[in-house]
N, C-alpha and C. Protein backbone atom coordinates (compact mmCIF):
# COMPACT_ATOMS: atom_id res chain seq x y z
N UNK A 1 -1.66 -92.34 31.78
CA UNK A 1 -0.31 -91.93 32.06
C UNK A 1 0.43 -93.10 32.70
N UNK A 2 1.63 -93.33 32.32
CA UNK A 2 2.41 -94.46 32.83
C UNK A 2 3.34 -93.97 33.93
N UNK A 3 3.10 -94.41 35.16
CA UNK A 3 3.92 -94.02 36.30
C UNK A 3 4.84 -95.15 36.66
N UNK A 4 6.02 -94.80 37.08
CA UNK A 4 6.99 -95.82 37.43
C UNK A 4 7.66 -95.47 38.74
N UNK A 5 7.81 -96.44 39.62
CA UNK A 5 8.58 -96.23 40.84
C UNK A 5 9.96 -96.77 40.57
N UNK A 6 10.94 -95.97 40.84
CA UNK A 6 12.32 -96.33 40.56
C UNK A 6 13.11 -96.43 41.85
N UNK A 7 13.98 -97.39 41.89
CA UNK A 7 14.83 -97.58 43.05
C UNK A 7 16.26 -97.67 42.60
N UNK A 8 17.13 -97.19 43.42
CA UNK A 8 18.53 -97.48 43.17
C UNK A 8 19.18 -97.55 44.52
N UNK A 9 20.25 -98.27 44.64
CA UNK A 9 20.71 -98.52 45.96
C UNK A 9 22.13 -98.22 46.27
N UNK A 10 22.28 -97.70 47.44
CA UNK A 10 23.58 -97.50 48.04
C UNK A 10 23.62 -98.47 49.16
N UNK A 11 23.37 -99.62 48.97
CA UNK A 11 23.29 -100.52 50.07
C UNK A 11 22.47 -101.67 49.61
N UNK A 12 21.39 -101.83 50.14
CA UNK A 12 20.57 -102.99 49.83
C UNK A 12 19.90 -102.78 48.50
N UNK A 13 18.93 -103.20 48.06
CA UNK A 13 18.30 -103.15 46.78
C UNK A 13 18.69 -101.99 45.89
N UNK A 14 19.70 -102.13 45.15
CA UNK A 14 20.10 -101.05 44.26
C UNK A 14 19.64 -99.82 44.92
N UNK A 15 19.14 -100.13 46.00
CA UNK A 15 18.58 -99.07 46.79
C UNK A 15 18.69 -99.50 48.22
N UNK A 16 19.03 -100.70 48.47
CA UNK A 16 18.86 -101.21 49.80
C UNK A 16 20.19 -101.59 50.44
N UNK A 17 20.43 -101.08 51.61
CA UNK A 17 21.60 -101.49 52.37
C UNK A 17 21.14 -101.79 53.78
N UNK A 18 21.80 -102.70 54.42
CA UNK A 18 21.37 -103.12 55.75
C UNK A 18 22.55 -103.10 56.70
N UNK A 19 22.28 -102.69 57.92
CA UNK A 19 23.29 -102.75 58.98
C UNK A 19 22.65 -103.49 60.16
N UNK A 20 23.43 -104.33 60.80
CA UNK A 20 22.96 -105.09 61.95
C UNK A 20 23.76 -104.65 63.16
N UNK A 21 23.07 -104.26 64.23
CA UNK A 21 23.74 -103.86 65.47
C UNK A 21 23.69 -105.03 66.44
N UNK A 22 24.85 -105.39 66.97
CA UNK A 22 24.94 -106.56 67.85
C UNK A 22 25.70 -106.20 69.13
N UNK A 23 25.44 -106.99 70.17
CA UNK A 23 26.28 -106.97 71.35
C UNK A 23 26.96 -108.31 71.39
N UNK A 24 28.27 -108.30 71.38
CA UNK A 24 29.03 -109.55 71.41
C UNK A 24 29.50 -109.81 72.83
N UNK A 25 29.37 -111.05 73.26
CA UNK A 25 29.83 -111.47 74.58
C UNK A 25 31.04 -112.36 74.37
N UNK A 26 32.23 -111.77 74.23
CA UNK A 26 33.41 -112.57 73.94
C UNK A 26 33.73 -113.54 75.07
N UNK A 27 34.17 -114.74 74.71
CA UNK A 27 34.55 -115.74 75.70
C UNK A 27 35.73 -115.26 76.51
N UNK A 28 35.69 -115.52 77.80
CA UNK A 28 36.79 -115.25 78.71
C UNK A 28 37.19 -113.79 78.77
N UNK A 29 36.29 -112.90 78.47
CA UNK A 29 36.58 -111.48 78.60
C UNK A 29 35.55 -110.86 79.52
N UNK A 30 35.95 -109.87 80.26
CA UNK A 30 35.03 -109.25 81.21
C UNK A 30 34.33 -108.03 80.63
N UNK A 31 34.56 -107.73 79.38
CA UNK A 31 33.92 -106.56 78.78
C UNK A 31 32.88 -107.00 77.75
N UNK A 32 31.90 -106.17 77.60
CA UNK A 32 30.86 -106.38 76.59
C UNK A 32 30.97 -105.20 75.63
N UNK A 33 30.84 -105.46 74.35
CA UNK A 33 30.94 -104.37 73.40
C UNK A 33 29.77 -104.39 72.43
N UNK A 34 29.34 -103.21 72.06
CA UNK A 34 28.32 -103.09 71.02
C UNK A 34 29.05 -102.84 69.71
N UNK A 35 28.57 -103.42 68.67
CA UNK A 35 29.22 -103.30 67.37
C UNK A 35 28.13 -103.30 66.31
N UNK A 36 28.48 -102.96 65.10
CA UNK A 36 27.55 -103.15 64.00
C UNK A 36 28.31 -103.62 62.78
N UNK A 37 27.57 -104.15 61.85
CA UNK A 37 28.17 -104.74 60.66
C UNK A 37 28.54 -103.70 59.62
N UNK A 38 28.01 -102.49 59.76
CA UNK A 38 28.13 -101.52 58.69
C UNK A 38 27.10 -101.87 57.63
N UNK A 39 26.76 -100.92 56.80
CA UNK A 39 25.78 -101.19 55.74
C UNK A 39 26.40 -102.11 54.70
N UNK A 40 25.61 -103.07 54.25
CA UNK A 40 26.06 -104.02 53.24
C UNK A 40 25.01 -104.10 52.14
N UNK A 41 25.46 -104.25 50.91
CA UNK A 41 24.56 -104.38 49.77
C UNK A 41 24.36 -105.84 49.43
N UNK A 42 23.21 -106.16 48.85
CA UNK A 42 22.99 -107.54 48.43
C UNK A 42 23.85 -107.87 47.22
N UNK A 43 24.10 -109.14 47.03
CA UNK A 43 24.82 -109.59 45.84
C UNK A 43 24.01 -110.60 45.04
N UNK A 44 22.76 -110.84 45.48
CA UNK A 44 21.91 -111.79 44.76
C UNK A 44 20.44 -111.37 44.92
N UNK A 45 19.63 -111.75 43.94
CA UNK A 45 18.19 -111.56 44.04
C UNK A 45 17.60 -112.85 44.60
N UNK A 46 16.43 -112.73 45.18
CA UNK A 46 15.76 -113.86 45.83
C UNK A 46 14.28 -113.75 45.51
N UNK A 47 13.60 -114.86 45.44
CA UNK A 47 12.15 -114.85 45.24
C UNK A 47 11.49 -114.08 46.38
N UNK A 48 10.47 -113.33 46.06
CA UNK A 48 9.84 -113.13 44.76
C UNK A 48 10.66 -112.17 43.89
N UNK A 49 10.57 -112.39 42.59
CA UNK A 49 11.30 -111.55 41.63
C UNK A 49 10.28 -110.94 40.68
N UNK A 50 9.66 -109.83 41.11
CA UNK A 50 8.61 -109.18 40.33
C UNK A 50 9.05 -107.88 39.66
N UNK A 51 10.26 -107.41 39.95
CA UNK A 51 10.71 -106.12 39.44
C UNK A 51 11.55 -106.32 38.18
N UNK A 52 11.62 -105.29 37.35
CA UNK A 52 12.43 -105.32 36.12
C UNK A 52 13.88 -104.96 36.48
N UNK A 53 14.81 -105.72 35.95
CA UNK A 53 16.25 -105.50 36.20
C UNK A 53 16.59 -105.41 37.69
N UNK A 54 16.21 -106.41 38.48
CA UNK A 54 16.41 -106.33 39.94
C UNK A 54 17.87 -106.21 40.38
N UNK A 55 18.81 -106.67 39.58
CA UNK A 55 20.22 -106.57 39.98
C UNK A 55 20.71 -105.13 39.98
N UNK A 56 19.98 -104.25 39.34
CA UNK A 56 20.35 -102.83 39.37
C UNK A 56 20.16 -102.24 40.76
N UNK A 57 19.51 -102.98 41.64
CA UNK A 57 19.32 -102.54 43.01
C UNK A 57 20.52 -102.78 43.89
N UNK A 58 21.57 -103.38 43.37
CA UNK A 58 22.74 -103.70 44.18
C UNK A 58 23.59 -102.47 44.51
N UNK A 59 23.61 -101.49 43.62
CA UNK A 59 24.49 -100.33 43.82
C UNK A 59 23.78 -99.03 43.45
N UNK A 60 24.32 -97.94 43.92
CA UNK A 60 23.81 -96.61 43.60
C UNK A 60 24.61 -96.07 42.42
N UNK A 61 24.00 -96.13 41.23
CA UNK A 61 24.76 -95.72 40.04
C UNK A 61 23.86 -95.14 38.94
N UNK A 62 22.70 -94.63 39.32
CA UNK A 62 21.75 -94.06 38.36
C UNK A 62 21.24 -95.07 37.34
N UNK A 63 21.30 -96.34 37.67
CA UNK A 63 20.72 -97.41 36.87
C UNK A 63 19.70 -98.08 37.78
N UNK A 64 18.43 -98.10 37.37
CA UNK A 64 17.34 -98.41 38.28
C UNK A 64 16.69 -99.77 38.05
N UNK A 65 16.20 -100.34 39.14
CA UNK A 65 15.26 -101.45 39.06
C UNK A 65 13.88 -100.83 39.20
N UNK A 66 12.91 -101.29 38.42
CA UNK A 66 11.61 -100.63 38.38
C UNK A 66 10.47 -101.64 38.43
N UNK A 67 9.29 -101.11 38.74
CA UNK A 67 8.07 -101.89 38.59
C UNK A 67 6.93 -100.93 38.32
N UNK A 68 5.95 -101.38 37.59
CA UNK A 68 4.74 -100.60 37.33
C UNK A 68 3.52 -101.33 37.87
N UNK A 69 3.75 -102.28 38.75
CA UNK A 69 2.68 -103.13 39.27
C UNK A 69 2.51 -102.89 40.76
N UNK A 70 1.29 -102.52 41.17
CA UNK A 70 1.01 -102.36 42.59
C UNK A 70 1.16 -103.71 43.29
N UNK A 71 1.78 -103.71 44.44
CA UNK A 71 2.03 -104.91 45.27
C UNK A 71 3.11 -105.82 44.70
N UNK A 72 3.85 -105.36 43.69
CA UNK A 72 4.96 -106.17 43.17
C UNK A 72 6.04 -106.27 44.25
N UNK A 73 6.60 -107.47 44.40
CA UNK A 73 7.61 -107.72 45.43
C UNK A 73 8.94 -108.09 44.80
N UNK A 74 10.02 -107.72 45.49
CA UNK A 74 11.36 -108.07 45.05
C UNK A 74 12.19 -108.45 46.27
N UNK A 75 12.81 -109.63 46.20
CA UNK A 75 13.66 -110.09 47.29
C UNK A 75 15.13 -109.87 46.98
N UNK A 76 15.90 -109.59 48.03
CA UNK A 76 17.35 -109.41 47.92
C UNK A 76 18.03 -110.20 49.03
N UNK A 77 19.17 -110.82 48.69
CA UNK A 77 19.87 -111.67 49.66
C UNK A 77 21.38 -111.59 49.47
N UNK A 78 22.07 -112.42 50.22
CA UNK A 78 23.53 -112.54 50.17
C UNK A 78 24.21 -111.20 50.48
N UNK A 79 24.07 -110.76 51.72
CA UNK A 79 24.65 -109.50 52.16
C UNK A 79 26.06 -109.67 52.72
N UNK A 80 26.46 -110.91 52.97
CA UNK A 80 27.81 -111.15 53.47
C UNK A 80 28.03 -110.76 54.92
N UNK A 81 26.98 -110.75 55.73
CA UNK A 81 27.13 -110.41 57.14
C UNK A 81 27.92 -111.48 57.87
N UNK A 82 28.75 -111.04 58.81
CA UNK A 82 29.48 -111.95 59.69
C UNK A 82 29.12 -111.59 61.12
N UNK A 83 28.06 -112.22 61.62
CA UNK A 83 27.59 -111.96 62.98
C UNK A 83 28.13 -113.07 63.87
N UNK A 84 28.86 -112.72 64.94
CA UNK A 84 29.45 -113.75 65.80
C UNK A 84 28.40 -114.65 66.44
N UNK A 85 28.70 -115.93 66.55
CA UNK A 85 27.82 -116.87 67.23
C UNK A 85 27.61 -116.39 68.66
N UNK A 86 26.37 -116.42 69.11
CA UNK A 86 26.04 -116.00 70.47
C UNK A 86 25.82 -114.51 70.63
N UNK A 87 25.97 -113.75 69.56
CA UNK A 87 25.75 -112.30 69.65
C UNK A 87 24.27 -112.00 69.86
N UNK A 88 23.97 -110.94 70.58
CA UNK A 88 22.60 -110.48 70.76
C UNK A 88 22.35 -109.39 69.72
N UNK A 89 21.33 -109.59 68.91
CA UNK A 89 21.00 -108.64 67.85
C UNK A 89 20.08 -107.57 68.44
N UNK A 90 20.53 -106.34 68.44
CA UNK A 90 19.75 -105.25 69.02
C UNK A 90 18.87 -104.55 68.00
N UNK A 91 19.32 -104.47 66.75
CA UNK A 91 18.55 -103.75 65.77
C UNK A 91 19.06 -103.95 64.36
N UNK A 92 18.19 -103.65 63.42
CA UNK A 92 18.53 -103.77 62.00
C UNK A 92 18.02 -102.51 61.30
N UNK A 93 18.89 -101.90 60.51
CA UNK A 93 18.52 -100.73 59.71
C UNK A 93 18.62 -101.09 58.24
N UNK A 94 17.64 -100.66 57.48
CA UNK A 94 17.62 -100.88 56.03
C UNK A 94 17.63 -99.51 55.37
N UNK A 95 18.49 -99.35 54.38
CA UNK A 95 18.58 -98.07 53.67
C UNK A 95 18.14 -98.29 52.22
N UNK A 96 17.21 -97.45 51.77
CA UNK A 96 16.69 -97.49 50.41
C UNK A 96 16.96 -96.15 49.73
N UNK A 97 17.34 -96.21 48.49
CA UNK A 97 17.46 -94.99 47.67
C UNK A 97 16.42 -95.12 46.58
N UNK A 98 15.42 -94.23 46.58
CA UNK A 98 14.29 -94.45 45.67
C UNK A 98 13.53 -93.17 45.39
N UNK A 99 12.71 -93.22 44.33
CA UNK A 99 11.74 -92.17 44.04
C UNK A 99 10.61 -92.79 43.24
N UNK A 100 9.52 -92.04 43.10
CA UNK A 100 8.37 -92.50 42.33
C UNK A 100 7.94 -91.42 41.36
N UNK A 101 7.53 -91.85 40.18
CA UNK A 101 6.98 -90.89 39.22
C UNK A 101 5.46 -90.78 39.35
N UNK A 102 4.88 -91.48 40.32
CA UNK A 102 3.44 -91.44 40.56
C UNK A 102 3.12 -90.24 41.45
N UNK A 103 2.44 -89.22 40.89
CA UNK A 103 2.16 -88.01 41.66
C UNK A 103 1.09 -88.22 42.72
N UNK A 104 0.45 -89.37 42.75
CA UNK A 104 -0.53 -89.69 43.79
C UNK A 104 0.16 -90.18 45.07
N UNK A 105 1.43 -90.50 44.98
CA UNK A 105 2.18 -90.97 46.14
C UNK A 105 2.18 -92.48 46.25
N UNK A 106 3.31 -93.03 46.49
CA UNK A 106 3.47 -94.47 46.66
C UNK A 106 4.45 -94.73 47.79
N UNK A 107 4.40 -95.92 48.31
CA UNK A 107 5.32 -96.34 49.37
C UNK A 107 6.06 -97.59 48.94
N UNK A 108 7.19 -97.79 49.58
CA UNK A 108 7.86 -99.08 49.51
C UNK A 108 7.79 -99.66 50.91
N UNK A 109 7.39 -100.92 51.01
CA UNK A 109 7.36 -101.62 52.29
C UNK A 109 8.50 -102.63 52.31
N UNK A 110 9.13 -102.77 53.46
CA UNK A 110 10.22 -103.73 53.61
C UNK A 110 9.90 -104.67 54.76
N UNK A 111 10.09 -105.95 54.52
CA UNK A 111 10.02 -107.00 55.54
C UNK A 111 11.30 -107.81 55.43
N UNK A 112 11.69 -108.43 56.53
CA UNK A 112 12.93 -109.20 56.57
C UNK A 112 12.63 -110.66 56.88
N UNK A 113 13.42 -111.56 56.28
CA UNK A 113 13.28 -113.00 56.52
C UNK A 113 14.55 -113.56 57.13
N UNK A 114 14.38 -114.52 58.01
CA UNK A 114 15.50 -115.21 58.66
C UNK A 114 15.70 -116.61 58.10
N UNK A 115 14.78 -117.06 57.23
CA UNK A 115 14.90 -118.41 56.66
C UNK A 115 14.61 -118.44 55.16
N UNK A 116 14.49 -117.28 54.55
CA UNK A 116 14.26 -117.20 53.12
C UNK A 116 12.81 -117.34 52.70
N UNK A 117 11.91 -117.67 53.64
CA UNK A 117 10.50 -117.86 53.28
C UNK A 117 9.53 -117.20 54.25
N UNK A 118 9.88 -117.10 55.51
CA UNK A 118 9.02 -116.50 56.53
C UNK A 118 9.53 -115.09 56.80
N UNK A 119 8.59 -114.14 56.90
CA UNK A 119 8.99 -112.73 57.04
C UNK A 119 8.52 -112.14 58.36
N UNK A 120 9.21 -111.09 58.78
CA UNK A 120 8.89 -110.42 60.03
C UNK A 120 7.44 -109.96 60.04
N UNK A 121 6.82 -110.01 61.23
CA UNK A 121 5.43 -109.55 61.32
C UNK A 121 5.33 -108.04 61.14
N UNK A 122 6.38 -107.34 61.51
CA UNK A 122 6.38 -105.89 61.38
C UNK A 122 7.06 -105.49 60.08
N UNK A 123 6.50 -104.51 59.42
CA UNK A 123 7.12 -103.99 58.21
C UNK A 123 7.45 -102.53 58.44
N UNK A 124 8.29 -102.01 57.59
CA UNK A 124 8.65 -100.60 57.64
C UNK A 124 8.33 -99.98 56.28
N UNK A 125 7.91 -98.71 56.28
CA UNK A 125 7.50 -98.02 55.06
C UNK A 125 8.43 -96.87 54.72
N UNK A 126 8.68 -96.69 53.43
CA UNK A 126 9.35 -95.51 52.91
C UNK A 126 8.34 -94.80 52.01
N UNK A 127 7.97 -93.57 52.36
CA UNK A 127 7.04 -92.80 51.56
C UNK A 127 7.83 -92.09 50.47
N UNK A 128 7.53 -92.42 49.22
CA UNK A 128 8.31 -91.89 48.10
C UNK A 128 7.70 -90.61 47.54
N UNK A 129 8.58 -89.78 47.04
CA UNK A 129 8.18 -88.57 46.32
C UNK A 129 8.80 -88.64 44.93
N UNK A 130 8.63 -87.57 44.15
CA UNK A 130 9.22 -87.55 42.82
C UNK A 130 10.69 -87.16 42.84
N UNK A 131 11.23 -86.98 44.03
CA UNK A 131 12.64 -86.64 44.20
C UNK A 131 13.39 -87.83 44.80
N UNK A 132 14.49 -88.20 44.20
CA UNK A 132 15.27 -89.32 44.71
C UNK A 132 15.78 -89.00 46.11
N UNK A 133 15.52 -89.93 47.05
CA UNK A 133 15.93 -89.73 48.44
C UNK A 133 16.44 -91.04 49.02
N UNK A 134 17.23 -90.91 50.08
CA UNK A 134 17.67 -92.07 50.84
C UNK A 134 16.78 -92.17 52.06
N UNK A 135 16.17 -93.33 52.25
CA UNK A 135 15.28 -93.60 53.37
C UNK A 135 15.94 -94.65 54.26
N UNK A 136 16.01 -94.39 55.56
CA UNK A 136 16.53 -95.38 56.49
C UNK A 136 15.36 -95.90 57.32
N UNK A 137 15.14 -97.20 57.26
CA UNK A 137 14.04 -97.86 57.96
C UNK A 137 14.61 -98.72 59.08
N UNK A 138 13.93 -98.75 60.22
CA UNK A 138 14.46 -99.49 61.36
C UNK A 138 15.56 -98.68 62.02
N UNK A 139 16.47 -99.37 62.71
CA UNK A 139 17.57 -98.67 63.38
C UNK A 139 18.30 -99.56 64.36
N UNK A 140 19.21 -98.96 65.09
CA UNK A 140 20.09 -99.72 65.98
C UNK A 140 19.37 -100.37 67.16
N UNK A 141 18.14 -99.96 67.44
CA UNK A 141 17.38 -100.59 68.52
C UNK A 141 16.05 -101.16 68.03
N UNK A 142 15.90 -101.33 66.74
CA UNK A 142 14.66 -101.85 66.14
C UNK A 142 14.89 -103.29 65.68
N UNK A 143 14.25 -104.24 66.36
CA UNK A 143 14.44 -105.66 66.01
C UNK A 143 13.39 -106.17 65.02
N UNK A 144 12.55 -105.32 64.51
CA UNK A 144 11.54 -105.65 63.52
C UNK A 144 10.57 -106.72 64.04
N UNK A 145 10.38 -106.78 65.36
CA UNK A 145 9.41 -107.69 65.95
C UNK A 145 9.88 -109.12 66.08
N UNK A 146 11.20 -109.32 66.11
CA UNK A 146 11.73 -110.69 66.17
C UNK A 146 12.99 -110.73 67.02
N UNK A 147 13.19 -111.85 67.71
CA UNK A 147 14.45 -112.13 68.40
C UNK A 147 15.36 -112.85 67.40
N UNK A 148 16.41 -112.18 66.96
CA UNK A 148 17.31 -112.70 65.93
C UNK A 148 18.47 -113.46 66.56
N UNK A 149 18.99 -114.43 65.83
CA UNK A 149 20.22 -115.14 66.21
C UNK A 149 21.20 -115.03 65.05
N UNK A 150 22.46 -115.27 65.32
CA UNK A 150 23.50 -115.04 64.31
C UNK A 150 23.26 -115.82 63.01
N UNK A 151 22.78 -117.05 63.10
CA UNK A 151 22.58 -117.86 61.88
C UNK A 151 21.47 -117.30 60.98
N UNK A 152 20.61 -116.44 61.52
CA UNK A 152 19.57 -115.82 60.70
C UNK A 152 20.15 -114.94 59.59
N UNK A 153 21.40 -114.52 59.75
CA UNK A 153 22.02 -113.61 58.79
C UNK A 153 22.91 -114.30 57.78
N UNK A 154 22.93 -115.64 57.79
CA UNK A 154 23.66 -116.38 56.77
C UNK A 154 23.09 -116.02 55.41
N UNK A 155 23.93 -116.02 54.38
CA UNK A 155 23.48 -115.63 53.04
C UNK A 155 22.29 -116.44 52.54
N UNK A 156 22.19 -117.71 52.93
CA UNK A 156 21.08 -118.54 52.48
C UNK A 156 19.78 -118.24 53.22
N UNK A 157 19.87 -117.53 54.35
CA UNK A 157 18.70 -117.31 55.19
C UNK A 157 18.13 -115.90 55.12
N UNK A 158 18.98 -114.90 55.22
CA UNK A 158 18.52 -113.52 55.38
C UNK A 158 18.10 -112.92 54.03
N UNK A 159 16.85 -112.45 53.97
CA UNK A 159 16.30 -111.85 52.75
C UNK A 159 15.57 -110.57 53.13
N UNK A 160 15.78 -109.53 52.36
CA UNK A 160 15.01 -108.30 52.48
C UNK A 160 14.04 -108.26 51.30
N UNK A 161 12.74 -108.14 51.61
CA UNK A 161 11.72 -108.11 50.55
C UNK A 161 11.12 -106.70 50.48
N UNK A 162 11.18 -106.12 49.30
CA UNK A 162 10.65 -104.78 49.06
C UNK A 162 9.36 -104.92 48.25
N UNK A 163 8.29 -104.24 48.72
CA UNK A 163 7.00 -104.30 48.05
C UNK A 163 6.57 -102.89 47.66
N UNK A 164 6.10 -102.74 46.43
CA UNK A 164 5.58 -101.48 45.91
C UNK A 164 4.11 -101.37 46.29
N UNK A 165 3.74 -100.33 47.03
CA UNK A 165 2.33 -100.14 47.40
C UNK A 165 1.96 -98.67 47.27
N UNK A 166 0.68 -98.43 47.04
CA UNK A 166 0.20 -97.06 46.94
C UNK A 166 -0.49 -96.65 48.22
N UNK A 167 -0.70 -95.36 48.37
CA UNK A 167 -1.43 -94.85 49.52
C UNK A 167 -2.92 -95.04 49.28
N UNK A 168 -3.65 -95.21 50.35
CA UNK A 168 -5.10 -95.40 50.32
C UNK A 168 -5.46 -96.60 49.44
N UNK A 169 -5.93 -96.37 48.23
CA UNK A 169 -6.40 -97.47 47.40
C UNK A 169 -5.32 -98.05 46.51
N UNK A 170 -4.10 -97.61 46.64
CA UNK A 170 -3.02 -98.17 45.85
C UNK A 170 -2.50 -97.20 44.82
N UNK A 171 -1.35 -97.53 44.30
CA UNK A 171 -0.76 -96.71 43.25
C UNK A 171 -1.65 -96.77 42.02
N UNK A 172 -1.52 -95.80 41.17
CA UNK A 172 -2.24 -95.85 39.91
C UNK A 172 -1.85 -97.12 39.17
N UNK A 173 -2.66 -97.55 38.27
CA UNK A 173 -2.48 -98.84 37.62
C UNK A 173 -1.06 -99.09 37.12
N UNK A 174 -0.38 -98.06 36.72
CA UNK A 174 0.97 -98.27 36.17
C UNK A 174 2.02 -97.55 36.99
N UNK A 175 1.99 -97.75 38.28
CA UNK A 175 3.00 -97.10 39.11
C UNK A 175 3.94 -98.13 39.70
N UNK A 176 5.12 -97.69 40.07
CA UNK A 176 6.11 -98.59 40.61
C UNK A 176 6.29 -98.34 42.07
């Protein structure tokens, strides 16, 4: 039986959207404010590129990016974040819209990069079912195990990598 994990995005990976929560310390002002970037979708794919039609992950439109390979990875970048210099990054949330046709159960793992090649030590999991759902990973106080600086979110640096994995021994041979 051929199982496929499908993703579509209202944010980041045709399924993925990211929001960054920051505290800005404006010059010459006595107030401190918390702000966030709002969810942003990627506009480019980034290595690794293991999924079929990865650009379909840019928007939520019933057009899917897929994979049938366990441990297949897909990178997404160019979110257009504008984080003020000197801002303190409090948390990052990633939103995925996805489902799996594998009745054994599969997960999507997400890691974040600040330089396009090195990824956060902590990952977040979305447990998929056969019903399309929106999964929010991380949050306004989750730094993903890293002290972030504003330049980490430049389009050339910030990458969200999504990996297809199965529960226990992995997805069936042909699951996404």
